[in-house]
Amino acid sequence: MAVSYKKLWILLIEKNMKKTDLRIQSGISTGALAKLGKNENVNTEVLAKICKALDCKIEDIMEMVPDDTRM
């Protein structure tokens, strides 16, 4: 199984936010944002900060997908 953050990018579009806005509002590092952009693993603290900043649940920003459908 792999992680996909496609839901996060869709949510940002819906909220009319840029990735930089998310980084500043949530307080995550540029490295963490880069990992998210590559669908790489990040720690739960990063995910919690994003959920707090966007006022959403973790399932609203990520999902587990089979390795062959990684987005």
PDB file of N, CA and C in Angstrom:
ATOM      1  N   MET A   1       0.833  -1.183   0.000  1.00  0.00           N
ATOM      2  CA  MET A   1       0.000   0.000   0.000  1.00  0.00           C
ATOM      3  C   MET A   1       0.884   1.255   0.000  1.00  0.00           C
ATOM      4  N   ALA A   2       0.379   2.279  -0.623  1.00  0.00           N
ATOM      5  CA  ALA A   2       1.082   3.551  -0.716  1.00  0.00           C
ATOM      6  C   ALA A   2       0.152   4.669  -0.254  1.00  0.00           C
ATOM      7  N   VAL A   3       0.738   5.806   0.021  1.00  0.00           N
ATOM      8  CA  VAL A   3      -0.017   6.972   0.468  1.00  0.00           C
ATOM      9  C   VAL A   3      -0.262   7.891  -0.718  1.00  0.00           C
ATOM     10  N   SER A   4      -1.470   8.441  -0.793  1.00  0.00           N
ATOM     11  CA  SER A   4      -1.797   9.444  -1.799  1.00  0.00           C
ATOM     12  C   SER A   4      -2.369  10.663  -1.091  1.00  0.00           C
ATOM     13  N   TYR A   5      -1.834  11.826  -1.433  1.00  0.00           N
ATOM     14  CA  TYR A   5      -2.323  13.079  -0.864  1.00  0.00           C
ATOM     15  C   TYR A   5      -3.154  13.855  -1.883  1.00  0.00           C
ATOM     16  N   LYS A   6      -3.681  13.169  -2.869  1.00  0.00           N
ATOM     17  CA  LYS A   6      -4.495  13.813  -3.905  1.00  0.00           C
ATOM     18  C   LYS A   6      -5.669  14.576  -3.269  1.00  0.00           C
ATOM     19  N   LYS A   7      -6.258  14.009  -2.234  1.00  0.00           N
ATOM     20  CA  LYS A   7      -7.377  14.674  -1.552  1.00  0.00           C
ATOM     21  C   LYS A   7      -6.960  16.018  -0.956  1.00  0.00           C
ATOM     22  N   LEU A   8      -5.718  16.097  -0.476  1.00  0.00           N
ATOM     23  CA  LEU A   8      -5.219  17.349   0.087  1.00  0.00           C
ATOM     24  C   LEU A   8      -5.161  18.424  -0.988  1.00  0.00           C
ATOM     25  N   TRP A   9      -4.643  18.091  -2.147  1.00  0.00           N
ATOM     26  CA  TRP A   9      -4.513  19.080  -3.226  1.00  0.00           C
ATOM     27  C   TRP A   9      -5.884  19.533  -3.726  1.00  0.00           C
ATOM     28  N   ILE A  10      -6.831  18.618  -3.762  1.00  0.00           N
ATOM     29  CA  ILE A  10      -8.198  18.979  -4.158  1.00  0.00           C
ATOM     30  C   ILE A  10      -8.812  19.919  -3.117  1.00  0.00           C
ATOM     31  N   LEU A  11      -8.587  19.618  -1.845  1.00  0.00           N
ATOM     32  CA  LEU A  11      -9.109  20.457  -0.763  1.00  0.00           C
ATOM     33  C   LEU A  11      -8.511  21.863  -0.828  1.00  0.00           C
ATOM     34  N   LEU A  12      -7.217  21.946  -1.134  1.00  0.00           N
ATOM     35  CA  LEU A  12      -6.593  23.268  -1.257  1.00  0.00           C
ATOM     36  C   LEU A  12      -7.231  24.067  -2.386  1.00  0.00           C
ATOM     37  N   ILE A  13      -7.508  23.412  -3.501  1.00  0.00           N
ATOM     38  CA  ILE A  13      -8.166  24.086  -4.622  1.00  0.00           C
ATOM     39  C   ILE A  13      -9.540  24.588  -4.186  1.00  0.00           C
ATOM     40  N   GLU A  14     -10.289  23.730  -3.487  1.00  0.00           N
ATOM     41  CA  GLU A  14     -11.626  24.106  -3.034  1.00  0.00           C
ATOM     42  C   GLU A  14     -11.583  25.304  -2.076  1.00  0.00           C
ATOM     43  N   LYS A  15     -10.520  25.386  -1.266  1.00  0.00           N
ATOM     44  CA  LYS A  15     -10.375  26.483  -0.301  1.00  0.00           C
ATOM     45  C   LYS A  15      -9.610  27.666  -0.886  1.00  0.00           C
ATOM     46  N   ASN A  16      -9.294  27.569  -2.182  1.00  0.00           N
ATOM     47  CA  ASN A  16      -8.572  28.632  -2.884  1.00  0.00           C
ATOM     48  C   ASN A  16      -7.249  28.966  -2.191  1.00  0.00           C
ATOM     49  N   MET A  17      -6.522  27.920  -1.817  1.00  0.00           N
ATOM     50  CA  MET A  17      -5.237  28.072  -1.137  1.00  0.00           C
ATOM     51  C   MET A  17      -4.112  27.541  -2.010  1.00  0.00           C
ATOM     52  N   LYS A  18      -2.942  28.121  -1.854  1.00  0.00           N
ATOM     53  CA  LYS A  18      -1.747  27.626  -2.514  1.00  0.00           C
ATOM     54  C   LYS A  18      -0.962  26.782  -1.516  1.00  0.00           C
ATOM     55  N   LYS A  19      -0.029  25.990  -2.019  1.00  0.00           N
ATOM     56  CA  LYS A  19       0.798  25.164  -1.137  1.00  0.00           C
ATOM     57  C   LYS A  19       1.568  26.028  -0.147  1.00  0.00           C
ATOM     58  N   THR A  20       2.021  27.175  -0.590  1.00  0.00           N
ATOM     59  CA  THR A  20       2.743  28.087   0.304  1.00  0.00           C
ATOM     60  C   THR A  20       1.840  28.578   1.426  1.00  0.00           C
ATOM     61  N   ASP A  21       0.580  28.866   1.099  1.00  0.00           N
ATOM     62  CA  ASP A  21      -0.388  29.278   2.123  1.00  0.00           C
ATOM     63  C   ASP A  21      -0.543  28.180   3.172  1.00  0.00           C
ATOM     64  N   LEU A  22      -0.637  26.943   2.704  1.00  0.00           N
ATOM     65  CA  LEU A  22      -0.779  25.809   3.618  1.00  0.00           C
ATOM     66  C   LEU A  22       0.447  25.698   4.519  1.00  0.00           C
ATOM     67  N   ARG A  23       1.631  25.822   3.936  1.00  0.00           N
ATOM     68  CA  ARG A  23       2.866  25.711   4.703  1.00  0.00           C
ATOM     69  C   ARG A  23       2.922  26.758   5.806  1.00  0.00           C
ATOM     70  N   ILE A  24       2.593  27.984   5.470  1.00  0.00           N
ATOM     71  CA  ILE A  24       2.649  29.072   6.453  1.00  0.00           C
ATOM     72  C   ILE A  24       1.566  28.904   7.524  1.00  0.00           C
ATOM     73  N   GLN A  25       0.354  28.617   7.095  1.00  0.00           N
ATOM     74  CA  GLN A  25      -0.770  28.515   8.034  1.00  0.00           C
ATOM     75  C   GLN A  25      -0.616  27.327   8.984  1.00  0.00           C
ATOM     76  N   SER A  26      -0.079  26.219   8.483  1.00  0.00           N
ATOM     77  CA  SER A  26       0.045  25.016   9.311  1.00  0.00           C
ATOM     78  C   SER A  26       1.358  24.964  10.084  1.00  0.00           C
ATOM     79  N   GLY A  27       2.370  25.700   9.609  1.00  0.00           N
ATOM     80  CA  GLY A  27       3.657  25.686  10.284  1.00  0.00           C
ATOM     81  C   GLY A  27       4.525  24.496   9.936  1.00  0.00           C
ATOM     82  N   ILE A  28       4.242  23.844   8.806  1.00  0.00           N
ATOM     83  CA  ILE A  28       5.076  22.714   8.402  1.00  0.00           C
ATOM     84  C   ILE A  28       6.284  23.228   7.615  1.00  0.00           C
ATOM     85  N   SER A  29       7.292  22.388   7.508  1.00  0.00           N
ATOM     86  CA  SER A  29       8.509  22.790   6.814  1.00  0.00           C
ATOM     87  C   SER A  29       8.360  22.637   5.302  1.00  0.00           C
ATOM     88  N   THR A  30       9.270  23.275   4.575  1.00  0.00           N
ATOM     89  CA  THR A  30       9.263  23.126   3.122  1.00  0.00           C
ATOM     90  C   THR A  30       9.610  21.692   2.743  1.00  0.00           C
ATOM     91  N   GLY A  31      10.434  21.045   3.546  1.00  0.00           N
ATOM     92  CA  GLY A  31      10.770  19.639   3.293  1.00  0.00           C
ATOM     93  C   GLY A  31       9.558  18.728   3.411  1.00  0.00           C
ATOM     94  N   ALA A  32       8.743  18.977   4.434  1.00  0.00           N
ATOM     95  CA  ALA A  32       7.527  18.180   4.614  1.00  0.00           C
ATOM     96  C   ALA A  32       6.565  18.413   3.453  1.00  0.00           C
ATOM     97  N   LEU A  33       6.460  19.654   3.016  1.00  0.00           N
ATOM     98  CA  LEU A  33       5.590  19.970   1.885  1.00  0.00           C
ATOM     99  C   LEU A  33       6.083  19.281   0.618  1.00  0.00           C
ATOM    100  N   ALA A  34       7.396  19.234   0.446  1.00  0.00           N
ATOM    101  CA  ALA A  34       7.968  18.551  -0.718  1.00  0.00           C
ATOM    102  C   ALA A  34       7.656  17.055  -0.681  1.00  0.00           C
ATOM    103  N   LYS A  35       7.742  16.447   0.503  1.00  0.00           N
ATOM    104  CA  LYS A  35       7.410  15.027   0.643  1.00  0.00           C
ATOM    105  C   LYS A  35       5.945  14.778   0.310  1.00  0.00           C
ATOM    106  N   LEU A  36       5.079  15.659   0.757  1.00  0.00           N
ATOM    107  CA  LEU A  36       3.655  15.526   0.440  1.00  0.00           C
ATOM    108  C   LEU A  36       3.443  15.583  -1.067  1.00  0.00           C
ATOM    109  N   GLY A  37       4.163  16.482  -1.725  1.00  0.00           N
ATOM    110  CA  GLY A  37       4.037  16.625  -3.171  1.00  0.00           C
ATOM    111  C   GLY A  37       4.490  15.402  -3.938  1.00  0.00           C
ATOM    112  N   LYS A  38       5.356  14.598  -3.310  1.00  0.00           N
ATOM    113  CA  LYS A  38       5.862  13.375  -3.943  1.00  0.00           C
ATOM    114  C   LYS A  38       5.149  12.124  -3.420  1.00  0.00           C
ATOM    115  N   ASN A  39       4.082  12.327  -2.649  1.00  0.00           N
ATOM    116  CA  ASN A  39       3.348  11.221  -2.027  1.00  0.00           C
ATOM    117  C   ASN A  39       4.254  10.336  -1.177  1.00  0.00           C
ATOM    118  N   GLU A  40       5.193  10.961  -0.489  1.00  0.00           N
ATOM    119  CA  GLU A  40       6.080  10.236   0.405  1.00  0.00           C
ATOM    120  C   GLU A  40       5.514  10.287   1.820  1.00  0.00           C
ATOM    121  N   ASN A  41       6.028   9.414   2.670  1.00  0.00           N
ATOM    122  CA  ASN A  41       5.565   9.364   4.046  1.00  0.00           C
ATOM    123  C   ASN A  41       6.034  10.587   4.822  1.00  0.00           C
ATOM    124  N   VAL A  42       5.148  11.125   5.636  1.00  0.00           N
ATOM    125  CA  VAL A  42       5.475  12.189   6.583  1.00  0.00           C
ATOM    126  C   VAL A  42       4.984  11.740   7.949  1.00  0.00           C
ATOM    127  N   ASN A  43       5.501  12.346   8.999  1.00  0.00           N
ATOM    128  CA  ASN A  43       5.068  11.895  10.325  1.00  0.00           C
ATOM    129  C   ASN A  43       3.676  12.434  10.666  1.00  0.00           C
ATOM    130  N   THR A  44       3.085  11.848  11.666  1.00  0.00           N
ATOM    131  CA  THR A  44       1.711  12.205  12.017  1.00  0.00           C
ATOM    132  C   THR A  44       1.600  13.629  12.548  1.00  0.00           C
ATOM    133  N   GLU A  45       2.669  14.174  13.087  1.00  0.00           N
ATOM    134  CA  GLU A  45       2.638  15.562  13.561  1.00  0.00           C
ATOM    135  C   GLU A  45       2.363  16.517  12.398  1.00  0.00           C
ATOM    136  N   VAL A  46       2.977  16.256  11.255  1.00  0.00           N
ATOM    137  CA  VAL A  46       2.750  17.073  10.063  1.00  0.00           C
ATOM    138  C   VAL A  46       1.290  16.973   9.630  1.00  0.00           C
ATOM    139  N   LEU A  47       0.772  15.759   9.602  1.00  0.00           N
ATOM    140  CA  LEU A  47      -0.617  15.552   9.184  1.00  0.00           C
ATOM    141  C   LEU A  47      -1.581  16.229  10.163  1.00  0.00           C
ATOM    142  N   ALA A  48      -1.271  16.155  11.448  1.00  0.00           N
ATOM    143  CA  ALA A  48      -2.122  16.790  12.461  1.00  0.00           C
ATOM    144  C   ALA A  48      -2.125  18.310  12.300  1.00  0.00           C
ATOM    145  N   LYS A  49      -0.968  18.898  12.013  1.00  0.00           N
ATOM    146  CA  LYS A  49      -0.884  20.350  11.809  1.00  0.00           C
ATOM    147  C   LYS A  49      -1.714  20.778  10.600  1.00  0.00           C
ATOM    148  N   ILE A  50      -1.657  19.970   9.538  1.00  0.00           N
ATOM    149  CA  ILE A  50      -2.435  20.283   8.335  1.00  0.00           C
ATOM    150  C   ILE A  50      -3.925  20.202   8.636  1.00  0.00           C
ATOM    151  N   CYS A  51      -4.333  19.137   9.310  1.00  0.00           N
ATOM    152  CA  CYS A  51      -5.746  18.978   9.643  1.00  0.00           C
ATOM    153  C   CYS A  51      -6.241  20.126  10.523  1.00  0.00           C
ATOM    154  N   LYS A  52      -5.417  20.549  11.462  1.00  0.00           N
ATOM    155  CA  LYS A  52      -5.804  21.666  12.329  1.00  0.00           C
ATOM    156  C   LYS A  52      -5.937  22.948  11.512  1.00  0.00           C
ATOM    157  N   ALA A  53      -4.982  23.197  10.632  1.00  0.00           N
ATOM    158  CA  ALA A  53      -5.006  24.420   9.826  1.00  0.00           C
ATOM    159  C   ALA A  53      -6.191  24.448   8.865  1.00  0.00           C
ATOM    160  N   LEU A  54      -6.549  23.294   8.326  1.00  0.00           N
ATOM    161  CA  LEU A  54      -7.646  23.230   7.354  1.00  0.00           C
ATOM    162  C   LEU A  54      -8.984  22.879   7.995  1.00  0.00           C
ATOM    163  N   ASP A  55      -8.974  22.617   9.308  1.00  0.00           N
ATOM    164  CA  ASP A  55     -10.180  22.223  10.040  1.00  0.00           C
ATOM    165  C   ASP A  55     -10.852  21.033   9.354  1.00  0.00           C
ATOM    166  N   CYS A  56     -10.070  19.955   9.225  1.00  0.00           N
ATOM    167  CA  CYS A  56     -10.592  18.763   8.562  1.00  0.00           C
ATOM    168  C   CYS A  56     -10.086  17.513   9.270  1.00  0.00           C
ATOM    169  N   LYS A  57     -10.531  16.375   8.810  1.00  0.00           N
ATOM    170  CA  LYS A  57     -10.102  15.078   9.341  1.00  0.00           C
ATOM    171  C   LYS A  57      -9.002  14.519   8.452  1.00  0.00           C
ATOM    172  N   ILE A  58      -8.245  13.584   9.007  1.00  0.00           N
ATOM    173  CA  ILE A  58      -7.121  13.029   8.253  1.00  0.00           C
ATOM    174  C   ILE A  58      -7.574  12.342   6.969  1.00  0.00           C
ATOM    175  N   GLU A  59      -8.747  11.736   6.993  1.00  0.00           N
ATOM    176  CA  GLU A  59      -9.242  11.068   5.779  1.00  0.00           C
ATOM    177  C   GLU A  59      -9.656  12.066   4.695  1.00  0.00           C
ATOM    178  N   ASP A  60      -9.720  13.341   5.053  1.00  0.00           N
ATOM    179  CA  ASP A  60     -10.016  14.380   4.063  1.00  0.00           C
ATOM    180  C   ASP A  60      -8.779  14.800   3.267  1.00  0.00           C
ATOM    181  N   ILE A  61      -7.585  14.414   3.746  1.00  0.00           N
ATOM    182  CA  ILE A  61      -6.361  14.857   3.072  1.00  0.00           C
ATOM    183  C   ILE A  61      -5.501  13.729   2.526  1.00  0.00           C
ATOM    184  N   MET A  62      -5.771  12.501   2.922  1.00  0.00           N
ATOM    185  CA  MET A  62      -4.942  11.386   2.447  1.00  0.00           C
ATOM    186  C   MET A  62      -5.740  10.103   2.351  1.00  0.00           C
ATOM    187  N   GLU A  63      -5.172   9.161   1.614  1.00  0.00           N
ATOM    188  CA  GLU A  63      -5.762   7.834   1.533  1.00  0.00           C
ATOM    189  C   GLU A  63      -4.680   6.823   1.197  1.00  0.00           C
ATOM    190  N   MET A  64      -4.938   5.593   1.533  1.00  0.00           N
ATOM    191  CA  MET A  64      -4.033   4.511   1.182  1.00  0.00           C
ATOM    192  C   MET A  64      -4.521   3.899  -0.129  1.00  0.00           C
ATOM    193  N   VAL A  65      -3.590   3.706  -1.038  1.00  0.00           N
ATOM    194  CA  VAL A  65      -3.920   3.147  -2.343  1.00  0.00           C
ATOM    195  C   VAL A  65      -2.961   2.018  -2.654  1.00  0.00           C
ATOM    196  N   PRO A  66      -3.375   1.074  -3.492  1.00  0.00           N
ATOM    197  CA  PRO A  66      -2.446   0.013  -3.901  1.00  0.00           C
ATOM    198  C   PRO A  66      -1.225   0.640  -4.586  1.00  0.00           C
ATOM    199  N   ASP A  67      -0.077   0.018  -4.449  1.00  0.00           N
ATOM    200  CA  ASP A  67       1.175   0.554  -4.984  1.00  0.00           C
ATOM    201  C   ASP A  67       1.105   0.888  -6.463  1.00  0.00           C
ATOM    202  N   ASP A  68       0.386   0.115  -7.249  1.00  0.00           N
ATOM    203  CA  ASP A  68       0.365   0.333  -8.696  1.00  0.00           C
ATOM    204  C   ASP A  68      -0.523   1.501  -9.120  1.00  0.00           C
ATOM    205  N   THR A  69      -1.298   2.090  -8.189  1.00  0.00           N
ATOM    206  CA  THR A  69      -2.148   3.233  -8.546  1.00  0.00           C
ATOM    207  C   THR A  69      -1.720   4.495  -7.817  1.00  0.00           C
ATOM    208  N   ARG A  70      -0.484   4.532  -7.395  1.00  0.00           N
ATOM    209  CA  ARG A  70       0.019   5.693  -6.654  1.00  0.00           C
ATOM    210  C   ARG A  70      -0.085   6.940  -7.525  1.00  0.00           C
ATOM    211  N   MET A  71      -0.591   8.034  -6.924  1.00  0.00           N
ATOM    212  CA  MET A  71      -0.821   9.259  -7.701  1.00  0.00           C
ATOM    213  C   MET A  71       0.095  10.345  -7.243  1.00  0.00           C
TER     214      MET A  71
END
